[in-house]
mmCIF file of all heavy atoms, coordinates in Angstrom:
data_MODEL
# 
_entry.id   MODEL 
# 
loop_
_atom_site.group_PDB 
_atom_site.id 
_atom_site.type_symbol 
_atom_site.label_atom_id 
_atom_site.label_alt_id 
_atom_site.label_comp_id 
_atom_site.label_asym_id 
_atom_site.label_entity_id 
_atom_site.label_seq_id 
_atom_site.pdbx_PDB_ins_code 
_atom_site.Cartn_x 
_atom_site.Cartn_y 
_atom_site.Cartn_z 
_atom_site.occupancy 
_atom_site.B_iso_or_equiv 
_atom_site.pdbx_formal_charge 
_atom_site.auth_seq_id 
_atom_site.auth_comp_id 
_atom_site.auth_asym_id 
_atom_site.auth_atom_id 
_atom_site.pdbx_PDB_model_num 
ATOM 1   N N   . HIS A 1 1  ? 10.464 -32.211 -8.209  1.00 0.00 ? 1  HIS A N   1 
ATOM 2   C CA  . HIS A 1 1  ? 11.295 -31.989 -9.394  1.00 0.00 ? 1  HIS A CA  1 
ATOM 3   C C   . HIS A 1 1  ? 10.634 -30.980 -10.318 1.00 0.00 ? 1  HIS A C   1 
ATOM 4   O O   . HIS A 1 1  ? 11.293 -30.075 -10.865 1.00 0.00 ? 1  HIS A O   1 
ATOM 5   C CB  . HIS A 1 1  ? 11.523 -33.323 -10.111 1.00 0.00 ? 1  HIS A CB  1 
ATOM 6   C CG  . HIS A 1 1  ? 12.580 -33.283 -11.162 1.00 0.00 ? 1  HIS A CG  1 
ATOM 7   N ND1 . HIS A 1 1  ? 12.348 -32.801 -12.433 1.00 0.00 ? 1  HIS A ND1 1 
ATOM 8   C CD2 . HIS A 1 1  ? 13.891 -33.670 -11.134 1.00 0.00 ? 1  HIS A CD2 1 
ATOM 9   C CE1 . HIS A 1 1  ? 13.457 -32.887 -13.142 1.00 0.00 ? 1  HIS A CE1 1 
ATOM 10  N NE2 . HIS A 1 1  ? 14.406 -33.406 -12.383 1.00 0.00 ? 1  HIS A NE2 1 
ATOM 11  N N   . PHE A 1 2  ? 9.325  -31.107 -10.502 1.00 0.00 ? 2  PHE A N   1 
ATOM 12  C CA  . PHE A 1 2  ? 8.594  -30.182 -11.365 1.00 0.00 ? 2  PHE A CA  1 
ATOM 13  C C   . PHE A 1 2  ? 8.660  -28.758 -10.825 1.00 0.00 ? 2  PHE A C   1 
ATOM 14  O O   . PHE A 1 2  ? 8.843  -27.797 -11.587 1.00 0.00 ? 2  PHE A O   1 
ATOM 15  C CB  . PHE A 1 2  ? 7.144  -30.637 -11.483 1.00 0.00 ? 2  PHE A CB  1 
ATOM 16  C CG  . PHE A 1 2  ? 6.280  -29.729 -12.313 1.00 0.00 ? 2  PHE A CG  1 
ATOM 17  C CD1 . PHE A 1 2  ? 6.365  -29.740 -13.694 1.00 0.00 ? 2  PHE A CD1 1 
ATOM 18  C CD2 . PHE A 1 2  ? 5.379  -28.868 -11.703 1.00 0.00 ? 2  PHE A CD2 1 
ATOM 19  C CE1 . PHE A 1 2  ? 5.572  -28.901 -14.466 1.00 0.00 ? 2  PHE A CE1 1 
ATOM 20  C CE2 . PHE A 1 2  ? 4.582  -28.033 -12.467 1.00 0.00 ? 2  PHE A CE2 1 
ATOM 21  C CZ  . PHE A 1 2  ? 4.675  -28.050 -13.847 1.00 0.00 ? 2  PHE A CZ  1 
ATOM 22  N N   . ILE A 1 3  ? 8.525  -28.594 -9.516  1.00 0.00 ? 3  ILE A N   1 
ATOM 23  C CA  . ILE A 1 3  ? 8.592  -27.264 -8.913  1.00 0.00 ? 3  ILE A CA  1 
ATOM 24  C C   . ILE A 1 3  ? 9.982  -26.663 -9.099  1.00 0.00 ? 3  ILE A C   1 
ATOM 25  O O   . ILE A 1 3  ? 10.123 -25.473 -9.415  1.00 0.00 ? 3  ILE A O   1 
ATOM 26  C CB  . ILE A 1 3  ? 8.212  -27.343 -7.423  1.00 0.00 ? 3  ILE A CB  1 
ATOM 27  C CG1 . ILE A 1 3  ? 6.714  -27.652 -7.288  1.00 0.00 ? 3  ILE A CG1 1 
ATOM 28  C CG2 . ILE A 1 3  ? 8.549  -26.043 -6.695  1.00 0.00 ? 3  ILE A CG2 1 
ATOM 29  C CD1 . ILE A 1 3  ? 6.270  -27.950 -5.881  1.00 0.00 ? 3  ILE A CD1 1 
ATOM 30  N N   . CYS A 1 4  ? 11.016 -27.476 -8.937  1.00 0.00 ? 4  CYS A N   1 
ATOM 31  C CA  . CYS A 1 4  ? 12.384 -26.998 -9.167  1.00 0.00 ? 4  CYS A CA  1 
ATOM 32  C C   . CYS A 1 4  ? 12.560 -26.555 -10.622 1.00 0.00 ? 4  CYS A C   1 
ATOM 33  O O   . CYS A 1 4  ? 13.200 -25.533 -10.898 1.00 0.00 ? 4  CYS A O   1 
ATOM 34  C CB  . CYS A 1 4  ? 13.397 -28.092 -8.834  1.00 0.00 ? 4  CYS A CB  1 
ATOM 35  S SG  . CYS A 1 4  ? 13.602 -28.440 -7.078  1.00 0.00 ? 4  CYS A SG  1 
ATOM 36  N N   . GLU A 1 5  ? 12.000 -27.332 -11.533 1.00 0.00 ? 5  GLU A N   1 
ATOM 37  C CA  . GLU A 1 5  ? 12.114 -26.987 -12.958 1.00 0.00 ? 5  GLU A CA  1 
ATOM 38  C C   . GLU A 1 5  ? 11.429 -25.665 -13.261 1.00 0.00 ? 5  GLU A C   1 
ATOM 39  O O   . GLU A 1 5  ? 11.974 -24.799 -13.948 1.00 0.00 ? 5  GLU A O   1 
ATOM 40  C CB  . GLU A 1 5  ? 11.508 -28.093 -13.818 1.00 0.00 ? 5  GLU A CB  1 
ATOM 41  C CG  . GLU A 1 5  ? 11.595 -27.801 -15.309 1.00 0.00 ? 5  GLU A CG  1 
ATOM 42  C CD  . GLU A 1 5  ? 10.892 -28.835 -16.162 1.00 0.00 ? 5  GLU A CD  1 
ATOM 43  O OE1 . GLU A 1 5  ? 11.378 -29.984 -16.205 1.00 0.00 ? 5  GLU A OE1 1 
ATOM 44  O OE2 . GLU A 1 5  ? 9.863  -28.499 -16.791 1.00 0.00 ? 5  GLU A OE2 1 
ATOM 45  N N   . MET A 1 6  ? 10.218 -25.486 -12.750 1.00 0.00 ? 6  MET A N   1 
ATOM 46  C CA  . MET A 1 6  ? 9.482  -24.254 -13.002 1.00 0.00 ? 6  MET A CA  1 
ATOM 47  C C   . MET A 1 6  ? 10.225 -23.044 -12.453 1.00 0.00 ? 6  MET A C   1 
ATOM 48  O O   . MET A 1 6  ? 10.336 -22.013 -13.113 1.00 0.00 ? 6  MET A O   1 
ATOM 49  C CB  . MET A 1 6  ? 8.082  -24.334 -12.376 1.00 0.00 ? 6  MET A CB  1 
ATOM 50  C CG  . MET A 1 6  ? 7.117  -25.262 -13.083 1.00 0.00 ? 6  MET A CG  1 
ATOM 51  S SD  . MET A 1 6  ? 6.701  -24.746 -14.766 1.00 0.00 ? 6  MET A SD  1 
ATOM 52  C CE  . MET A 1 6  ? 7.776  -25.837 -15.703 1.00 0.00 ? 6  MET A CE  1 
ATOM 53  N N   . ARG A 1 7  ? 10.751 -23.183 -11.235 1.00 0.00 ? 7  ARG A N   1 
ATOM 54  C CA  . ARG A 1 7  ? 11.478 -22.067 -10.649 1.00 0.00 ? 7  ARG A CA  1 
ATOM 55  C C   . ARG A 1 7  ? 12.725 -21.739 -11.461 1.00 0.00 ? 7  ARG A C   1 
ATOM 56  O O   . ARG A 1 7  ? 13.035 -20.572 -11.692 1.00 0.00 ? 7  ARG A O   1 
ATOM 57  C CB  . ARG A 1 7  ? 11.867 -22.380 -9.197  1.00 0.00 ? 7  ARG A CB  1 
ATOM 58  C CG  . ARG A 1 7  ? 12.458 -21.163 -8.494  1.00 0.00 ? 7  ARG A CG  1 
ATOM 59  C CD  . ARG A 1 7  ? 13.331 -21.506 -7.316  1.00 0.00 ? 7  ARG A CD  1 
ATOM 60  N NE  . ARG A 1 7  ? 14.039 -20.301 -6.891  1.00 0.00 ? 7  ARG A NE  1 
ATOM 61  C CZ  . ARG A 1 7  ? 15.166 -19.853 -7.465  1.00 0.00 ? 7  ARG A CZ  1 
ATOM 62  N NH1 . ARG A 1 7  ? 15.701 -20.517 -8.469  1.00 0.00 ? 7  ARG A NH1 1 
ATOM 63  N NH2 . ARG A 1 7  ? 15.736 -18.738 -7.048  1.00 0.00 ? 7  ARG A NH2 1 
ATOM 64  N N   . SER A 1 8  ? 13.449 -22.757 -11.913 1.00 0.00 ? 8  SER A N   1 
ATOM 65  C CA  . SER A 1 8  ? 14.658 -22.538 -12.709 1.00 0.00 ? 8  SER A CA  1 
ATOM 66  C C   . SER A 1 8  ? 14.329 -21.846 -14.023 1.00 0.00 ? 8  SER A C   1 
ATOM 67  O O   . SER A 1 8  ? 15.027 -20.921 -14.442 1.00 0.00 ? 8  SER A O   1 
ATOM 68  C CB  . SER A 1 8  ? 15.361 -23.872 -12.982 1.00 0.00 ? 8  SER A CB  1 
ATOM 69  O OG  . SER A 1 8  ? 15.852 -24.440 -11.791 1.00 0.00 ? 8  SER A OG  1 
ATOM 70  N N   . ARG A 1 9  ? 13.280 -22.271 -14.667 1.00 0.00 ? 9  ARG A N   1 
ATOM 71  C CA  . ARG A 1 9  ? 12.912 -21.664 -15.944 1.00 0.00 ? 9  ARG A CA  1 
ATOM 72  C C   . ARG A 1 9  ? 12.469 -20.215 -15.762 1.00 0.00 ? 9  ARG A C   1 
ATOM 73  O O   . ARG A 1 9  ? 12.803 -19.346 -16.568 1.00 0.00 ? 9  ARG A O   1 
ATOM 74  C CB  . ARG A 1 9  ? 11.803 -22.477 -16.599 1.00 0.00 ? 9  ARG A CB  1 
ATOM 75  C CG  . ARG A 1 9  ? 12.259 -23.855 -17.087 1.00 0.00 ? 9  ARG A CG  1 
ATOM 76  C CD  . ARG A 1 9  ? 11.110 -24.629 -17.689 1.00 0.00 ? 9  ARG A CD  1 
ATOM 77  N NE  . ARG A 1 9  ? 10.535 -23.936 -18.838 1.00 0.00 ? 9  ARG A NE  1 
ATOM 78  C CZ  . ARG A 1 9  ? 9.347  -24.204 -19.369 1.00 0.00 ? 9  ARG A CZ  1 
ATOM 79  N NH1 . ARG A 1 9  ? 8.587  -25.152 -18.823 1.00 0.00 ? 9  ARG A NH1 1 
ATOM 80  N NH2 . ARG A 1 9  ? 8.913  -23.543 -20.412 1.00 0.00 ? 9  ARG A NH2 1 
ATOM 81  N N   . LEU A 1 10 ? 11.711 -19.946 -14.702 1.00 0.00 ? 10 LEU A N   1 
ATOM 82  C CA  . LEU A 1 10 ? 11.273 -18.576 -14.448 1.00 0.00 ? 10 LEU A CA  1 
ATOM 83  C C   . LEU A 1 10 ? 12.442 -17.652 -14.140 1.00 0.00 ? 10 LEU A C   1 
ATOM 84  O O   . LEU A 1 10 ? 12.409 -16.466 -14.455 1.00 0.00 ? 10 LEU A O   1 
ATOM 85  C CB  . LEU A 1 10 ? 10.280 -18.558 -13.285 1.00 0.00 ? 10 LEU A CB  1 
ATOM 86  C CG  . LEU A 1 10 ? 8.888  -19.120 -13.574 1.00 0.00 ? 10 LEU A CG  1 
ATOM 87  C CD1 . LEU A 1 10 ? 8.119  -19.335 -12.277 1.00 0.00 ? 10 LEU A CD1 1 
ATOM 88  C CD2 . LEU A 1 10 ? 8.110  -18.201 -14.507 1.00 0.00 ? 10 LEU A CD2 1 
ATOM 89  N N   . SER A 1 11 ? 13.497 -18.210 -13.529 1.00 0.00 ? 11 SER A N   1 
ATOM 90  C CA  . SER A 1 11 ? 14.638 -17.379 -13.138 1.00 0.00 ? 11 SER A CA  1 
ATOM 91  C C   . SER A 1 11 ? 15.424 -16.878 -14.339 1.00 0.00 ? 11 SER A C   1 
ATOM 92  O O   . SER A 1 11 ? 16.208 -15.937 -14.225 1.00 0.00 ? 11 SER A O   1 
ATOM 93  C CB  . SER A 1 11 ? 15.568 -18.160 -12.199 1.00 0.00 ? 11 SER A CB  1 
ATOM 94  O OG  . SER A 1 11 ? 16.226 -19.211 -12.881 1.00 0.00 ? 11 SER A OG  1 
ATOM 95  N N   . ARG A 1 12 ? 15.239 -17.483 -15.503 1.00 0.00 ? 12 ARG A N   1 
ATOM 96  C CA  . ARG A 1 12 ? 15.960 -17.036 -16.696 1.00 0.00 ? 12 ARG A CA  1 
ATOM 97  C C   . ARG A 1 12 ? 15.635 -15.588 -17.033 1.00 0.00 ? 12 ARG A C   1 
ATOM 98  O O   . ARG A 1 12 ? 16.522 -14.796 -17.328 1.00 0.00 ? 12 ARG A O   1 
ATOM 99  C CB  . ARG A 1 12 ? 15.605 -17.919 -17.897 1.00 0.00 ? 12 ARG A CB  1 
ATOM 100 C CG  . ARG A 1 12 ? 16.279 -19.277 -17.907 1.00 0.00 ? 12 ARG A CG  1 
ATOM 101 C CD  . ARG A 1 12 ? 15.822 -20.065 -19.103 1.00 0.00 ? 12 ARG A CD  1 
ATOM 102 N NE  . ARG A 1 12 ? 16.584 -21.299 -19.241 1.00 0.00 ? 12 ARG A NE  1 
ATOM 103 C CZ  . ARG A 1 12 ? 16.261 -22.287 -20.045 1.00 0.00 ? 12 ARG A CZ  1 
ATOM 104 N NH1 . ARG A 1 12 ? 15.162 -22.175 -20.772 1.00 0.00 ? 12 ARG A NH1 1 
ATOM 105 N NH2 . ARG A 1 12 ? 17.003 -23.364 -20.129 1.00 0.00 ? 12 ARG A NH2 1 
ATOM 106 N N   . THR A 1 13 ? 14.368 -15.271 -17.011 1.00 0.00 ? 13 THR A N   1 
ATOM 107 C CA  . THR A 1 13 ? 13.944 -13.912 -17.354 1.00 0.00 ? 13 THR A CA  1 
ATOM 108 C C   . THR A 1 13 ? 13.580 -13.100 -16.114 1.00 0.00 ? 13 THR A C   1 
ATOM 109 O O   . THR A 1 13 ? 13.155 -11.958 -16.238 1.00 0.00 ? 13 THR A O   1 
ATOM 110 C CB  . THR A 1 13 ? 12.739 -13.953 -18.321 1.00 0.00 ? 13 THR A CB  1 
ATOM 111 O OG1 . THR A 1 13 ? 11.729 -14.806 -17.778 1.00 0.00 ? 13 THR A OG1 1 
ATOM 112 C CG2 . THR A 1 13 ? 13.168 -14.501 -19.680 1.00 0.00 ? 13 THR A CG2 1 
ATOM 113 N N   . ASN A 1 14 ? 13.737 -13.708 -14.933 1.00 0.00 ? 14 ASN A N   1 
ATOM 114 C CA  . ASN A 1 14 ? 13.495 -13.010 -13.666 1.00 0.00 ? 14 ASN A CA  1 
ATOM 115 C C   . ASN A 1 14 ? 14.672 -13.281 -12.730 1.00 0.00 ? 14 ASN A C   1 
ATOM 116 O O   . ASN A 1 14 ? 14.562 -14.065 -11.776 1.00 0.00 ? 14 ASN A O   1 
ATOM 117 C CB  . ASN A 1 14 ? 12.197 -13.499 -13.013 1.00 0.00 ? 14 ASN A CB  1 
ATOM 118 C CG  . ASN A 1 14 ? 10.972 -13.233 -13.864 1.00 0.00 ? 14 ASN A CG  1 
ATOM 119 O OD1 . ASN A 1 14 ? 10.389 -12.161 -13.824 1.00 0.00 ? 14 ASN A OD1 1 
ATOM 120 N ND2 . ASN A 1 14 ? 10.596 -14.223 -14.659 1.00 0.00 ? 14 ASN A ND2 1 
ATOM 121 N N   . PRO A 1 15 ? 15.833 -12.651 -13.010 1.00 0.00 ? 15 PRO A N   1 
ATOM 122 C CA  . PRO A 1 15 ? 17.035 -12.957 -12.238 1.00 0.00 ? 15 PRO A CA  1 
ATOM 123 C C   . PRO A 1 15 ? 16.915 -12.666 -10.754 1.00 0.00 ? 15 PRO A C   1 
ATOM 124 O O   . PRO A 1 15 ? 17.674 -13.206 -9.944  1.00 0.00 ? 15 PRO A O   1 
ATOM 125 C CB  . PRO A 1 15 ? 18.106 -12.066 -12.886 1.00 0.00 ? 15 PRO A CB  1 
ATOM 126 C CG  . PRO A 1 15 ? 17.351 -10.992 -13.607 1.00 0.00 ? 15 PRO A CG  1 
ATOM 127 C CD  . PRO A 1 15 ? 16.066 -11.633 -14.047 1.00 0.00 ? 15 PRO A CD  1 
ATOM 128 N N   . ASP A 1 16 ? 15.948 -11.832 -10.367 1.00 0.00 ? 16 ASP A N   1 
ATOM 129 C CA  . ASP A 1 16 ? 15.761 -11.502 -8.946  1.00 0.00 ? 16 ASP A CA  1 
ATOM 130 C C   . ASP A 1 16 ? 14.730 -12.405 -8.278  1.00 0.00 ? 16 ASP A C   1 
ATOM 131 O O   . ASP A 1 16 ? 14.316 -12.140 -7.146  1.00 0.00 ? 16 ASP A O   1 
ATOM 132 C CB  . ASP A 1 16 ? 15.323 -10.031 -8.807  1.00 0.00 ? 16 ASP A CB  1 
ATOM 133 C CG  . ASP A 1 16 ? 16.377 -9.063  -9.315  1.00 0.00 ? 16 ASP A CG  1 
ATOM 134 O OD1 . ASP A 1 16 ? 17.577 -9.380  -9.198  1.00 0.00 ? 16 ASP A OD1 1 
ATOM 135 O OD2 . ASP A 1 16 ? 15.998 -8.004  -9.855  1.00 0.00 ? 16 ASP A OD2 1 
ATOM 136 N N   . LEU A 1 17 ? 14.332 -13.456 -8.970  1.00 0.00 ? 17 LEU A N   1 
ATOM 137 C CA  . LEU A 1 17 ? 13.330 -14.365 -8.414  1.00 0.00 ? 17 LEU A CA  1 
ATOM 138 C C   . LEU A 1 17 ? 13.826 -14.980 -7.114  1.00 0.00 ? 17 LEU A C   1 
ATOM 139 O O   . LEU A 1 17 ? 14.929 -15.501 -7.035  1.00 0.00 ? 17 LEU A O   1 
ATOM 140 C CB  . LEU A 1 17 ? 13.023 -15.486 -9.425  1.00 0.00 ? 17 LEU A CB  1 
ATOM 141 C CG  . LEU A 1 17 ? 11.890 -16.434 -9.050  1.00 0.00 ? 17 LEU A CG  1 
ATOM 142 C CD1 . LEU A 1 17 ? 10.536 -15.715 -9.137  1.00 0.00 ? 17 LEU A CD1 1 
ATOM 143 C CD2 . LEU A 1 17 ? 11.889 -17.651 -9.971  1.00 0.00 ? 17 LEU A CD2 1 
ATOM 144 N N   . GLU A 1 18 ? 12.989 -14.901 -6.096  1.00 0.00 ? 18 GLU A N   1 
ATOM 145 C CA  . GLU A 1 18 ? 13.349 -15.466 -4.797  1.00 0.00 ? 18 GLU A CA  1 
ATOM 146 C C   . GLU A 1 18 ? 12.833 -16.902 -4.700  1.00 0.00 ? 18 GLU A C   1 
ATOM 147 O O   . GLU A 1 18 ? 12.597 -17.554 -5.704  1.00 0.00 ? 18 GLU A O   1 
ATOM 148 C CB  . GLU A 1 18 ? 12.757 -14.586 -3.686  1.00 0.00 ? 18 GLU A CB  1 
ATOM 149 C CG  . GLU A 1 18 ? 13.280 -13.163 -3.678  1.00 0.00 ? 18 GLU A CG  1 
ATOM 150 C CD  . GLU A 1 18 ? 14.755 -13.060 -3.325  1.00 0.00 ? 18 GLU A CD  1 
ATOM 151 O OE1 . GLU A 1 18 ? 15.269 -14.007 -2.678  1.00 0.00 ? 18 GLU A OE1 1 
ATOM 152 O OE2 . GLU A 1 18 ? 15.390 -12.058 -3.679  1.00 0.00 ? 18 GLU A OE2 1 
ATOM 153 N N   . LYS A 1 19 ? 12.638 -17.369 -3.502  1.00 0.00 ? 19 LYS A N   1 
ATOM 154 C CA  . LYS A 1 19 ? 12.167 -18.737 -3.295  1.00 0.00 ? 19 LYS A CA  1 
ATOM 155 C C   . LYS A 1 19 ? 10.652 -18.852 -3.378  1.00 0.00 ? 19 LYS A C   1 
ATOM 156 O O   . LYS A 1 19 ? 10.107 -19.945 -3.301  1.00 0.00 ? 19 LYS A O   1 
ATOM 157 C CB  . LYS A 1 19 ? 12.671 -19.256 -1.953  1.00 0.00 ? 19 LYS A CB  1 
ATOM 158 C CG  . LYS A 1 19 ? 14.195 -19.321 -1.866  1.00 0.00 ? 19 LYS A CG  1 
ATOM 159 C CD  . LYS A 1 19 ? 14.664 -19.727 -0.480  1.00 0.00 ? 19 LYS A CD  1 
ATOM 160 C CE  . LYS A 1 19 ? 16.185 -19.716 -0.385  1.00 0.00 ? 19 LYS A CE  1 
ATOM 161 N NZ  . LYS A 1 19 ? 16.658 -20.073 0.966   1.00 0.00 ? 19 LYS A NZ  1 
ATOM 162 N N   . ASP A 1 20 ? 9.976  -17.711 -3.505  1.00 0.00 ? 20 ASP A N   1 
ATOM 163 C CA  . ASP A 1 20 ? 8.526  -17.699 -3.664  1.00 0.00 ? 20 ASP A CA  1 
ATOM 164 C C   . ASP A 1 20 ? 8.188  -17.325 -5.105  1.00 0.00 ? 20 ASP A C   1 
ATOM 165 O O   . ASP A 1 20 ? 8.808  -16.419 -5.666  1.00 0.00 ? 20 ASP A O   1 
ATOM 166 C CB  . ASP A 1 20 ? 7.881  -16.685 -2.723  1.00 0.00 ? 20 ASP A CB  1 
ATOM 167 C CG  . ASP A 1 20 ? 8.171  -16.985 -1.261  1.00 0.00 ? 20 ASP A CG  1 
ATOM 168 O OD1 . ASP A 1 20 ? 8.622  -18.104 -0.964  1.00 0.00 ? 20 ASP A OD1 1 
ATOM 169 O OD2 . ASP A 1 20 ? 7.946  -16.090 -0.424  1.00 0.00 ? 20 ASP A OD2 1 
ATOM 170 N N   . PHE A 1 21 ? 7.235  -18.000 -5.686  1.00 0.00 ? 21 PHE A N   1 
ATOM 171 C CA  . PHE A 1 21 ? 6.812  -17.646 -7.041  1.00 0.00 ? 21 PHE A CA  1 
ATOM 172 C C   . PHE A 1 21 ? 5.389  -18.113 -7.281  1.00 0.00 ? 21 PHE A C   1 
ATOM 173 O O   . PHE A 1 21 ? 4.858  -18.956 -6.557  1.00 0.00 ? 21 PHE A O   1 
ATOM 174 C CB  . PHE A 1 21 ? 7.759  -18.235 -8.098  1.00 0.00 ? 21 PHE A CB  1 
ATOM 175 C CG  . PHE A 1 21 ? 7.796  -19.745 -8.143  1.00 0.00 ? 21 PHE A CG  1 
ATOM 176 C CD1 . PHE A 1 21 ? 6.992  -20.451 -9.025  1.00 0.00 ? 21 PHE A CD1 1 
ATOM 177 C CD2 . PHE A 1 21 ? 8.659  -20.453 -7.314  1.00 0.00 ? 21 PHE A CD2 1 
ATOM 178 C CE1 . PHE A 1 21 ? 7.032  -21.834 -9.068  1.00 0.00 ? 21 PHE A CE1 1 
ATOM 179 C CE2 . PHE A 1 21 ? 8.704  -21.838 -7.356  1.00 0.00 ? 21 PHE A CE2 1 
ATOM 180 C CZ  . PHE A 1 21 ? 7.885  -22.536 -8.236  1.00 0.00 ? 21 PHE A CZ  1 
ATOM 181 N N   . ARG A 1 22 ? 4.781  -17.548 -8.302  1.00 0.00 ? 22 ARG A N   1 
ATOM 182 C CA  . ARG A 1 22 ? 3.402  -17.879 -8.655  1.00 0.00 ? 22 ARG A CA  1 
ATOM 183 C C   . ARG A 1 22 ? 3.402  -19.072 -9.611  1.00 0.00 ? 22 ARG A C   1 
ATOM 184 O O   . ARG A 1 22 ? 4.125  -19.087 -10.608 1.00 0.00 ? 22 ARG A O   1 
ATOM 185 C CB  . ARG A 1 22 ? 2.728  -16.663 -9.311  1.00 0.00 ? 22 ARG A CB  1 
ATOM 186 C CG  . ARG A 1 22 ? 1.295  -16.911 -9.746  1.00 0.00 ? 22 ARG A CG  1 
ATOM 187 C CD  . ARG A 1 22 ? 0.632  -15.610 -10.171 1.00 0.00 ? 22 ARG A CD  1 
ATOM 188 N NE  . ARG A 1 22 ? -0.619 -15.831 -10.889 1.00 0.00 ? 22 ARG A NE  1 
ATOM 189 C CZ  . ARG A 1 22 ? -1.764 -16.187 -10.325 1.00 0.00 ? 22 ARG A CZ  1 
ATOM 190 N NH1 . ARG A 1 22 ? -1.816 -16.339 -9.018  1.00 0.00 ? 22 ARG A NH1 1 
ATOM 191 N NH2 . ARG A 1 22 ? -2.846 -16.366 -11.048 1.00 0.00 ? 22 ARG A NH2 1 
ATOM 192 N N   . LEU A 1 23 ? 2.574  -20.058 -9.302  1.00 0.00 ? 23 LEU A N   1 
ATOM 193 C CA  . LEU A 1 23 ? 2.408  -21.243 -10.139 1.00 0.00 ? 23 LEU A CA  1 
ATOM 194 C C   . LEU A 1 23 ? 0.923  -21.341 -10.497 1.00 0.00 ? 23 LEU A C   1 
ATOM 195 O O   . LEU A 1 23 ? 0.143  -21.987 -9.794  1.00 0.00 ? 23 LEU A O   1 
ATOM 196 C CB  . LEU A 1 23 ? 2.876  -22.496 -9.383  1.00 0.00 ? 23 LEU A CB  1 
ATOM 197 C CG  . LEU A 1 23 ? 2.879  -23.816 -10.160 1.00 0.00 ? 23 LEU A CG  1 
ATOM 198 C CD1 . LEU A 1 23 ? 3.963  -23.809 -11.232 1.00 0.00 ? 23 LEU A CD1 1 
ATOM 199 C CD2 . LEU A 1 23 ? 3.104  -24.999 -9.210  1.00 0.00 ? 23 LEU A CD2 1 
ATOM 200 N N   . PRO A 1 24 ? 0.501  -20.685 -11.584 1.00 0.00 ? 24 PRO A N   1 
ATOM 201 C CA  . PRO A 1 24 ? -0.938 -20.557 -11.887 1.00 0.00 ? 24 PRO A CA  1 
ATOM 202 C C   . PRO A 1 24 ? -1.537 -21.785 -12.569 1.00 0.00 ? 24 PRO A C   1 
ATOM 203 O O   . PRO A 1 24 ? -2.279 -21.670 -13.548 1.00 0.00 ? 24 PRO A O   1 
ATOM 204 C CB  . PRO A 1 24 ? -0.957 -19.341 -12.812 1.00 0.00 ? 24 PRO A CB  1 
ATOM 205 C CG  . PRO A 1 24 ? 0.331  -19.436 -13.557 1.00 0.00 ? 24 PRO A CG  1 
ATOM 206 C CD  . PRO A 1 24 ? 1.336  -19.984 -12.569 1.00 0.00 ? 24 PRO A CD  1 
ATOM 207 N N   . LEU A 1 25 ? -1.200 -22.957 -12.056 1.00 0.00 ? 25 LEU A N   1 
ATOM 208 C CA  . LEU A 1 25 ? -1.727 -24.205 -12.613 1.00 0.00 ? 25 LEU A CA  1 
ATOM 209 C C   . LEU A 1 25 ? -2.745 -24.789 -11.642 1.00 0.00 ? 25 LEU A C   1 
ATOM 210 O O   . LEU A 1 25 ? -2.473 -24.896 -10.447 1.00 0.00 ? 25 LEU A O   1 
ATOM 211 C CB  . LEU A 1 25 ? -0.595 -25.212 -12.848 1.00 0.00 ? 25 LEU A CB  1 
ATOM 212 C CG  . LEU A 1 25 ? 0.555  -24.750 -13.753 1.00 0.00 ? 25 LEU A CG  1 
ATOM 213 C CD1 . LEU A 1 25 ? 1.625  -25.833 -13.833 1.00 0.00 ? 25 LEU A CD1 1 
ATOM 214 C CD2 . LEU A 1 25 ? 0.042  -24.412 -15.156 1.00 0.00 ? 25 LEU A CD2 1 
ATOM 215 N N   . SER A 1 26 ? -3.884 -25.181 -12.164 1.00 0.00 ? 26 SER A N   1 
ATOM 216 C CA  . SER A 1 26 ? -4.915 -25.773 -11.316 1.00 0.00 ? 26 SER A CA  1 
ATOM 217 C C   . SER A 1 26 ? -4.475 -27.155 -10.847 1.00 0.00 ? 26 SER A C   1 
ATOM 218 O O   . SER A 1 26 ? -3.529 -27.745 -11.372 1.00 0.00 ? 26 SER A O   1 
ATOM 219 C CB  . SER A 1 26 ? -6.232 -25.883 -12.090 1.00 0.00 ? 26 SER A CB  1 
ATOM 220 O OG  . SER A 1 26 ? -6.114 -26.866 -13.108 1.00 0.00 ? 26 SER A OG  1 
ATOM 221 N N   . GLN A 1 27 ? -5.198 -27.665 -9.865  1.00 0.00 ? 27 GLN A N   1 
ATOM 222 C CA  . GLN A 1 27 ? -4.918 -29.014 -9.366  1.00 0.00 ? 27 GLN A CA  1 
ATOM 223 C C   . GLN A 1 27 ? -5.045 -30.044 -10.493 1.00 0.00 ? 27 GLN A C   1 
ATOM 224 O O   . GLN A 1 27 ? -4.265 -30.991 -10.584 1.00 0.00 ? 27 GLN A O   1 
ATOM 225 C CB  . GLN A 1 27 ? -5.882 -29.359 -8.231  1.00 0.00 ? 27 GLN A CB  1 
ATOM 226 C CG  . GLN A 1 27 ? -5.396 -30.480 -7.342  1.00 0.00 ? 27 GLN A CG  1 
ATOM 227 C CD  . GLN A 1 27 ? -5.080 -29.970 -5.945  1.00 0.00 ? 27 GLN A CD  1 
ATOM 228 O OE1 . GLN A 1 27 ? -4.271 -29.063 -5.792  1.00 0.00 ? 27 GLN A OE1 1 
ATOM 229 N NE2 . GLN A 1 27 ? -5.713 -30.540 -4.958  1.00 0.00 ? 27 GLN A NE2 1 
ATOM 230 N N   . GLN A 1 28 ? -6.048 -29.834 -11.368 1.00 0.00 ? 28 GLN A N   1 
ATOM 231 C CA  . GLN A 1 28 ? -6.249 -30.764 -12.484 1.00 0.00 ? 28 GLN A CA  1 
ATOM 232 C C   . GLN A 1 28 ? -5.083 -30.684 -13.478 1.00 0.00 ? 28 GLN A C   1 
ATOM 233 O O   . GLN A 1 28 ? -4.629 -31.700 -14.006 1.00 0.00 ? 28 GLN A O   1 
ATOM 234 C CB  . GLN A 1 28 ? -7.563 -30.450 -13.200 1.00 0.00 ? 28 GLN A CB  1 
ATOM 235 C CG  . GLN A 1 28 ? -7.907 -31.436 -14.311 1.00 0.00 ? 28 GLN A CG  1 
ATOM 236 C CD  . GLN A 1 28 ? -8.158 -32.835 -13.781 1.00 0.00 ? 28 GLN A CD  1 
ATOM 237 O OE1 . GLN A 1 28 ? -9.060 -33.050 -12.988 1.00 0.00 ? 28 GLN A OE1 1 
ATOM 238 N NE2 . GLN A 1 28 ? -7.364 -33.805 -14.235 1.00 0.00 ? 28 GLN A NE2 1 
# 
């Protein structure tokens, strides 16, 4: 669910966002 949320939010300002994206959050 969190990954879906992040992708949806990123797509707002990146309309060409594909199914791959950068998630610069550490494991912690």
